[in-house]
Amino acid sequence: MNQSITTLALNLLVSERLNHRIVFAGKIVEILHQSIQDMEQEESRLNHFLSSIAKCTQEPSCQEREIFFELAQYYNSRIFGMSDLSAVA
């Protein structure tokens, strides 16, 4: 896990090429599945994040982009222990 979720999220949002966005999305999902142990408690939030990943992969300027990046920050903080980011409720 050399890249943070927020870095991958930013790359996904600024990439002009769909195939690059798909790669970034895949890396985010891979990190999530490797790192989130208690999936039951996270299921609703995780499903929302996965949905926003799919929407932003297809259209980076979609309305979901803000929640996508907020959730990216949340999971980055949760997985990598960066407490200086505010968590999404």
N, C-alpha and C. Protein backbone atom coordinates (compact mmCIF):
# COMPACT_ATOMS: atom_id res chain seq x y z
N MET A 1 0.83 -1.17 0.00
CA MET A 1 0.00 0.00 0.00
C MET A 1 0.88 1.24 0.00
N ASN A 2 1.43 1.57 -1.13
CA ASN A 2 2.33 2.70 -1.23
C ASN A 2 1.59 4.01 -1.42
N GLN A 3 0.34 3.97 -1.86
CA GLN A 3 -0.39 5.20 -2.14
C GLN A 3 -1.56 5.33 -1.17
N SER A 4 -1.84 6.57 -0.80
CA SER A 4 -3.00 6.80 0.06
C SER A 4 -4.26 6.84 -0.79
N ILE A 5 -5.36 6.62 -0.13
CA ILE A 5 -6.66 6.66 -0.82
C ILE A 5 -6.93 8.07 -1.34
N THR A 6 -6.56 9.07 -0.57
CA THR A 6 -6.82 10.44 -1.02
C THR A 6 -6.01 10.79 -2.27
N THR A 7 -4.77 10.30 -2.35
CA THR A 7 -3.96 10.53 -3.55
C THR A 7 -4.59 9.85 -4.76
N LEU A 8 -5.03 8.62 -4.57
CA LEU A 8 -5.69 7.90 -5.66
C LEU A 8 -6.99 8.59 -6.05
N ALA A 9 -7.73 9.09 -5.05
CA ALA A 9 -9.00 9.78 -5.34
C ALA A 9 -8.75 11.05 -6.15
N LEU A 10 -7.76 11.82 -5.76
CA LEU A 10 -7.43 13.03 -6.53
C LEU A 10 -7.01 12.67 -7.96
N ASN A 11 -6.20 11.65 -8.10
CA ASN A 11 -5.79 11.21 -9.44
C ASN A 11 -6.99 10.79 -10.27
N LEU A 12 -7.93 10.10 -9.65
CA LEU A 12 -9.14 9.67 -10.36
C LEU A 12 -9.93 10.89 -10.83
N LEU A 13 -10.06 11.88 -9.96
CA LEU A 13 -10.87 13.05 -10.31
C LEU A 13 -10.25 13.93 -11.39
N VAL A 14 -8.93 13.96 -11.48
CA VAL A 14 -8.29 14.84 -12.46
C VAL A 14 -7.90 14.14 -13.75
N SER A 15 -7.95 12.82 -13.76
CA SER A 15 -7.55 12.09 -14.95
C SER A 15 -8.56 12.29 -16.08
N GLU A 16 -8.05 12.56 -17.25
CA GLU A 16 -8.93 12.73 -18.42
C GLU A 16 -9.22 11.41 -19.12
N ARG A 17 -8.48 10.38 -18.80
CA ARG A 17 -8.65 9.10 -19.49
C ARG A 17 -9.41 8.10 -18.62
N LEU A 18 -10.46 7.55 -19.19
CA LEU A 18 -11.29 6.59 -18.48
C LEU A 18 -10.48 5.39 -18.00
N ASN A 19 -9.60 4.87 -18.84
CA ASN A 19 -8.84 3.69 -18.42
C ASN A 19 -7.95 3.98 -17.22
N HIS A 20 -7.43 5.21 -17.10
CA HIS A 20 -6.65 5.58 -15.92
C HIS A 20 -7.54 5.68 -14.69
N ARG A 21 -8.75 6.26 -14.87
CA ARG A 21 -9.68 6.37 -13.74
C ARG A 21 -10.08 4.99 -13.25
N ILE A 22 -10.24 4.05 -14.15
CA ILE A 22 -10.59 2.68 -13.77
C ILE A 22 -9.47 2.05 -12.93
N VAL A 23 -8.22 2.30 -13.32
CA VAL A 23 -7.07 1.79 -12.56
C VAL A 23 -7.06 2.39 -11.15
N PHE A 24 -7.24 3.70 -11.04
CA PHE A 24 -7.25 4.34 -9.73
C PHE A 24 -8.39 3.82 -8.87
N ALA A 25 -9.57 3.67 -9.47
CA ALA A 25 -10.72 3.14 -8.74
C ALA A 25 -10.43 1.73 -8.23
N GLY A 26 -9.83 0.91 -9.09
CA GLY A 26 -9.50 -0.46 -8.70
C GLY A 26 -8.52 -0.51 -7.53
N LYS A 27 -7.56 0.39 -7.52
CA LYS A 27 -6.59 0.45 -6.42
C LYS A 27 -7.26 0.87 -5.13
N ILE A 28 -8.20 1.81 -5.20
CA ILE A 28 -8.93 2.24 -4.00
C ILE A 28 -9.72 1.06 -3.44
N VAL A 29 -10.44 0.37 -4.29
CA VAL A 29 -11.26 -0.76 -3.86
C VAL A 29 -10.37 -1.86 -3.27
N GLU A 30 -9.23 -2.11 -3.88
CA GLU A 30 -8.30 -3.11 -3.37
C GLU A 30 -7.82 -2.76 -1.96
N ILE A 31 -7.45 -1.50 -1.75
CA ILE A 31 -7.02 -1.07 -0.41
C ILE A 31 -8.15 -1.25 0.60
N LEU A 32 -9.36 -0.87 0.21
CA LEU A 32 -10.50 -1.00 1.12
C LEU A 32 -10.72 -2.45 1.53
N HIS A 33 -10.73 -3.33 0.55
CA HIS A 33 -11.00 -4.74 0.85
C HIS A 33 -9.88 -5.39 1.66
N GLN A 34 -8.67 -4.94 1.49
CA GLN A 34 -7.55 -5.47 2.26
C GLN A 34 -7.52 -4.91 3.67
N SER A 35 -8.10 -3.74 3.88
CA SER A 35 -7.89 -3.02 5.14
C SER A 35 -9.08 -2.97 6.07
N ILE A 36 -10.28 -3.00 5.55
CA ILE A 36 -11.47 -2.87 6.41
C ILE A 36 -11.85 -4.25 6.92
N GLN A 37 -11.63 -4.45 8.22
CA GLN A 37 -11.89 -5.75 8.83
C GLN A 37 -13.36 -5.92 9.23
N ASP A 38 -13.93 -4.89 9.79
CA ASP A 38 -15.30 -4.97 10.30
C ASP A 38 -16.26 -4.43 9.26
N MET A 39 -16.46 -5.20 8.20
CA MET A 39 -17.27 -4.74 7.07
C MET A 39 -18.74 -4.57 7.44
N GLU A 40 -19.24 -5.34 8.42
CA GLU A 40 -20.65 -5.25 8.75
C GLU A 40 -21.03 -3.86 9.26
N GLN A 41 -20.22 -3.31 10.17
CA GLN A 41 -20.50 -1.99 10.69
C GLN A 41 -20.30 -0.91 9.63
N GLU A 42 -19.46 -1.17 8.68
CA GLU A 42 -19.13 -0.19 7.64
C GLU A 42 -19.94 -0.37 6.37
N GLU A 43 -20.80 -1.36 6.33
CA GLU A 43 -21.43 -1.75 5.07
C GLU A 43 -22.14 -0.61 4.35
N SER A 44 -22.95 0.15 5.05
CA SER A 44 -23.71 1.23 4.41
C SER A 44 -22.77 2.31 3.87
N ARG A 45 -21.83 2.75 4.70
CA ARG A 45 -20.89 3.80 4.28
C ARG A 45 -20.00 3.29 3.15
N LEU A 46 -19.54 2.05 3.28
CA LEU A 46 -18.68 1.47 2.25
C LEU A 46 -19.41 1.34 0.92
N ASN A 47 -20.68 0.91 0.97
CA ASN A 47 -21.46 0.81 -0.27
C ASN A 47 -21.65 2.17 -0.91
N HIS A 48 -21.86 3.20 -0.09
CA HIS A 48 -22.00 4.56 -0.63
C HIS A 48 -20.69 4.99 -1.29
N PHE A 49 -19.57 4.68 -0.63
CA PHE A 49 -18.26 5.02 -1.20
C PHE A 49 -18.03 4.28 -2.51
N LEU A 50 -18.32 2.99 -2.54
CA LEU A 50 -18.14 2.21 -3.77
C LEU A 50 -19.01 2.76 -4.90
N SER A 51 -20.22 3.17 -4.56
CA SER A 51 -21.12 3.75 -5.56
C SER A 51 -20.56 5.07 -6.08
N SER A 52 -20.03 5.89 -5.18
CA SER A 52 -19.47 7.17 -5.61
C SER A 52 -18.20 6.97 -6.42
N ILE A 53 -17.42 5.93 -6.11
CA ILE A 53 -16.24 5.61 -6.92
C ILE A 53 -16.67 5.31 -8.35
N ALA A 54 -17.71 4.48 -8.49
CA ALA A 54 -18.18 4.12 -9.83
C ALA A 54 -18.68 5.35 -10.60
N LYS A 55 -19.43 6.21 -9.92
CA LYS A 55 -19.95 7.41 -10.59
C LYS A 55 -18.84 8.36 -11.00
N CYS A 56 -17.87 8.56 -10.11
CA CYS A 56 -16.77 9.47 -10.42
C CYS A 56 -15.81 8.89 -11.45
N THR A 57 -15.74 7.57 -11.53
CA THR A 57 -14.92 6.94 -12.55
C THR A 57 -15.49 7.24 -13.93
N GLN A 58 -16.82 7.17 -14.04
CA GLN A 58 -17.47 7.44 -15.32
C GLN A 58 -17.50 8.93 -15.65
N GLU A 59 -17.72 9.76 -14.62
CA GLU A 59 -17.82 11.21 -14.84
C GLU A 59 -17.20 11.94 -13.64
N PRO A 60 -15.92 12.31 -13.74
CA PRO A 60 -15.22 12.93 -12.61
C PRO A 60 -15.83 14.23 -12.10
N SER A 61 -16.58 14.92 -12.92
CA SER A 61 -17.18 16.18 -12.48
C SER A 61 -18.64 16.00 -12.02
N CYS A 62 -19.02 14.78 -11.68
CA CYS A 62 -20.39 14.50 -11.26
C CYS A 62 -20.69 15.13 -9.90
N GLN A 63 -21.94 15.13 -9.52
CA GLN A 63 -22.36 15.71 -8.25
C GLN A 63 -21.81 14.94 -7.05
N GLU A 64 -21.46 13.70 -7.23
CA GLU A 64 -20.96 12.85 -6.14
C GLU A 64 -19.51 13.15 -5.78
N ARG A 65 -18.83 13.99 -6.51
CA ARG A 65 -17.39 14.15 -6.30
C ARG A 65 -17.04 14.64 -4.90
N GLU A 66 -17.85 15.50 -4.30
CA GLU A 66 -17.54 15.98 -2.95
C GLU A 66 -17.64 14.87 -1.92
N ILE A 67 -18.73 14.11 -1.95
CA ILE A 67 -18.88 13.02 -1.00
C ILE A 67 -17.83 11.94 -1.26
N PHE A 68 -17.51 11.73 -2.53
CA PHE A 68 -16.46 10.78 -2.89
C PHE A 68 -15.14 11.15 -2.20
N PHE A 69 -14.76 12.42 -2.29
CA PHE A 69 -13.49 12.82 -1.71
C PHE A 69 -13.55 12.84 -0.18
N GLU A 70 -14.70 13.21 0.39
CA GLU A 70 -14.86 13.17 1.84
C GLU A 70 -14.72 11.73 2.36
N LEU A 71 -15.34 10.80 1.66
CA LEU A 71 -15.23 9.40 2.06
C LEU A 71 -13.81 8.87 1.84
N ALA A 72 -13.15 9.34 0.80
CA ALA A 72 -11.75 8.96 0.58
C ALA A 72 -10.90 9.43 1.76
N GLN A 73 -11.14 10.65 2.22
CA GLN A 73 -10.41 11.16 3.38
C GLN A 73 -10.72 10.34 4.63
N TYR A 74 -12.00 10.00 4.82
CA TYR A 74 -12.41 9.20 5.97
C TYR A 74 -11.68 7.85 5.99
N TYR A 75 -11.74 7.15 4.87
CA TYR A 75 -11.11 5.82 4.83
C TYR A 75 -9.59 5.92 4.88
N ASN A 76 -9.02 6.94 4.30
CA ASN A 76 -7.58 7.12 4.40
C ASN A 76 -7.18 7.29 5.87
N SER A 77 -7.95 8.11 6.58
CA SER A 77 -7.70 8.33 8.00
C SER A 77 -7.89 7.04 8.79
N ARG A 78 -8.94 6.33 8.50
CA ARG A 78 -9.24 5.09 9.23
C ARG A 78 -8.19 4.02 8.98
N ILE A 79 -7.75 3.87 7.76
CA ILE A 79 -6.82 2.81 7.39
C ILE A 79 -5.38 3.16 7.76
N PHE A 80 -5.00 4.40 7.47
CA PHE A 80 -3.60 4.77 7.68
C PHE A 80 -3.38 5.54 8.98
N GLY A 81 -4.44 5.79 9.75
CA GLY A 81 -4.32 6.39 11.06
C GLY A 81 -3.98 7.86 11.07
N MET A 82 -4.35 8.58 10.05
CA MET A 82 -4.09 10.01 10.00
C MET A 82 -5.25 10.71 10.68
N SER A 83 -5.04 11.18 11.89
CA SER A 83 -6.14 11.74 12.67
C SER A 83 -6.38 13.22 12.41
N ASP A 84 -5.60 13.84 11.55
CA ASP A 84 -5.80 15.26 11.30
C ASP A 84 -6.91 15.53 10.30
N LEU A 85 -7.49 14.51 9.73
CA LEU A 85 -8.60 14.67 8.80
C LEU A 85 -9.92 14.47 9.53
N SER A 86 -10.92 15.24 9.18
CA SER A 86 -12.21 15.06 9.83
C SER A 86 -12.94 13.90 9.18
N ALA A 87 -13.59 13.10 10.00
CA ALA A 87 -14.32 11.93 9.51
C ALA A 87 -15.70 12.34 9.05
N VAL A 88 -16.20 11.61 8.06
CA VAL A 88 -17.53 11.83 7.53
C VAL A 88 -18.51 11.10 8.44
N ALA A 89 -19.56 11.75 8.82
CA ALA A 89 -20.56 11.11 9.70
C ALA A 89 -21.47 10.21 8.93
